[in-house]
Amino acid sequence: MAVYMADRDLPGITLEQLAAAQKAAIETSERFTSEGKPVRYIRSTFVPGDSSCRCLFESGNADWVREVNEAANIPFTRIVEAMDLTP
């Protein structure tokens, strides 16, 4: 499976809202996986000074990642294939 990045602009988001969005991404990914559309939430990086967030997902295709984010009502500016270089 490939890794995809959801790029987000989240001006004014609180830590509580950010935690709720992360929880929604995890739970919605698990639901999609149980329904036969494998998506795994990996992690997020939030940059407070820019109000930007990058969330990594593993999936068979970008469409499922897009559907997960739409179903979870988490805004994104784009979803692109990425490379996770964690050692």
Protein backbone atom coordinates (compact mmCIF):
# COMPACT_ATOMS: atom_id res chain seq x y z
CA MET A 1 0.00 0.00 0.00
CA ALA A 2 1.08 3.58 -0.63
CA VAL A 3 1.33 6.48 1.80
CA TYR A 4 -0.79 9.58 1.20
CA MET A 5 -0.62 12.99 2.84
CA ALA A 6 -3.66 15.12 3.62
CA ASP A 7 -2.50 18.74 3.61
CA ARG A 8 -4.61 21.04 5.80
CA ASP A 9 -4.93 24.73 6.62
CA LEU A 10 -6.55 25.01 10.05
CA PRO A 11 -6.52 28.66 11.18
CA GLY A 12 -7.95 29.18 14.66
CA ILE A 13 -8.12 25.48 15.54
CA THR A 14 -7.85 24.66 19.24
CA LEU A 15 -5.94 21.73 20.69
CA GLU A 16 -9.26 20.13 21.63
CA GLN A 17 -10.53 20.46 18.06
CA LEU A 18 -7.26 19.10 16.72
CA ALA A 19 -7.50 16.07 19.03
CA ALA A 20 -11.13 15.52 17.96
CA ALA A 21 -10.13 15.65 14.28
CA GLN A 22 -7.37 13.11 14.89
CA LYS A 23 -9.80 10.82 16.70
CA ALA A 24 -12.28 11.15 13.82
CA ALA A 25 -9.56 10.31 11.28
CA ILE A 26 -8.59 7.19 13.22
CA GLU A 27 -12.15 5.97 13.78
CA THR A 28 -13.29 6.69 10.22
CA SER A 29 -10.22 4.93 8.80
CA GLU A 30 -11.01 1.88 10.93
CA ARG A 31 -14.63 1.91 9.75
CA PHE A 32 -13.60 2.13 6.09
CA THR A 33 -11.14 -0.73 6.59
CA SER A 34 -13.87 -2.90 8.13
CA GLU A 35 -16.04 -2.09 5.09
CA GLY A 36 -13.37 -3.34 2.66
CA LYS A 37 -11.62 -0.05 1.86
CA PRO A 38 -8.32 -0.36 3.75
CA VAL A 39 -7.10 2.99 5.10
CA ARG A 40 -4.75 3.33 8.06
CA TYR A 41 -4.14 6.63 9.80
CA ILE A 42 -0.40 6.90 10.54
CA ARG A 43 0.20 10.25 12.24
CA SER A 44 -0.12 14.02 11.99
CA THR A 45 2.25 16.96 12.29
CA PHE A 46 0.78 20.35 13.21
CA VAL A 47 2.69 23.61 12.74
CA PRO A 48 1.00 26.17 15.04
CA GLY A 49 2.78 29.20 13.55
CA ASP A 50 1.39 28.38 10.11
CA SER A 51 -1.89 26.78 11.24
CA SER A 52 -0.99 23.95 8.90
CA CYS A 53 -1.27 20.23 9.44
CA ARG A 54 0.00 17.24 7.49
CA CYS A 55 -1.62 13.88 8.11
CA LEU A 56 -0.26 10.61 6.78
CA PHE A 57 -2.43 7.67 5.78
CA GLU A 58 -1.63 4.28 4.28
CA SER A 59 -4.06 3.02 1.66
CA GLY A 60 -4.49 1.27 -1.65
CA ASN A 61 -5.49 4.53 -3.35
CA ALA A 62 -5.91 8.27 -2.82
CA ASP A 63 -9.68 8.13 -3.38
CA TRP A 64 -10.25 6.15 -0.17
CA VAL A 65 -8.12 8.61 1.80
CA ARG A 66 -10.15 11.47 0.34
CA GLU A 67 -13.40 9.66 1.24
CA VAL A 68 -12.21 9.07 4.82
CA ASN A 69 -11.42 12.75 5.31
CA GLU A 70 -14.71 13.85 3.77
CA ALA A 71 -16.69 11.36 5.90
CA ALA A 72 -14.86 12.54 9.04
CA ASN A 73 -15.58 16.18 8.09
CA ILE A 74 -11.91 17.14 8.30
CA PRO A 75 -10.99 19.90 5.83
CA PHE A 76 -8.03 19.42 3.49
CA THR A 77 -6.49 21.38 0.64
CA ARG A 78 -5.09 18.36 -1.17
CA ILE A 79 -4.28 14.68 -0.87
CA VAL A 80 -1.07 13.55 -2.51
CA GLU A 81 1.10 10.47 -2.53
CA ALA A 82 4.03 10.86 -0.14
CA MET A 83 7.03 8.98 1.19
CA ASP A 84 7.22 8.28 4.91
CA LEU A 85 10.94 8.33 5.73
CA THR A 86 10.70 7.42 9.41
CA PRO A 87 13.79 5.35 10.28
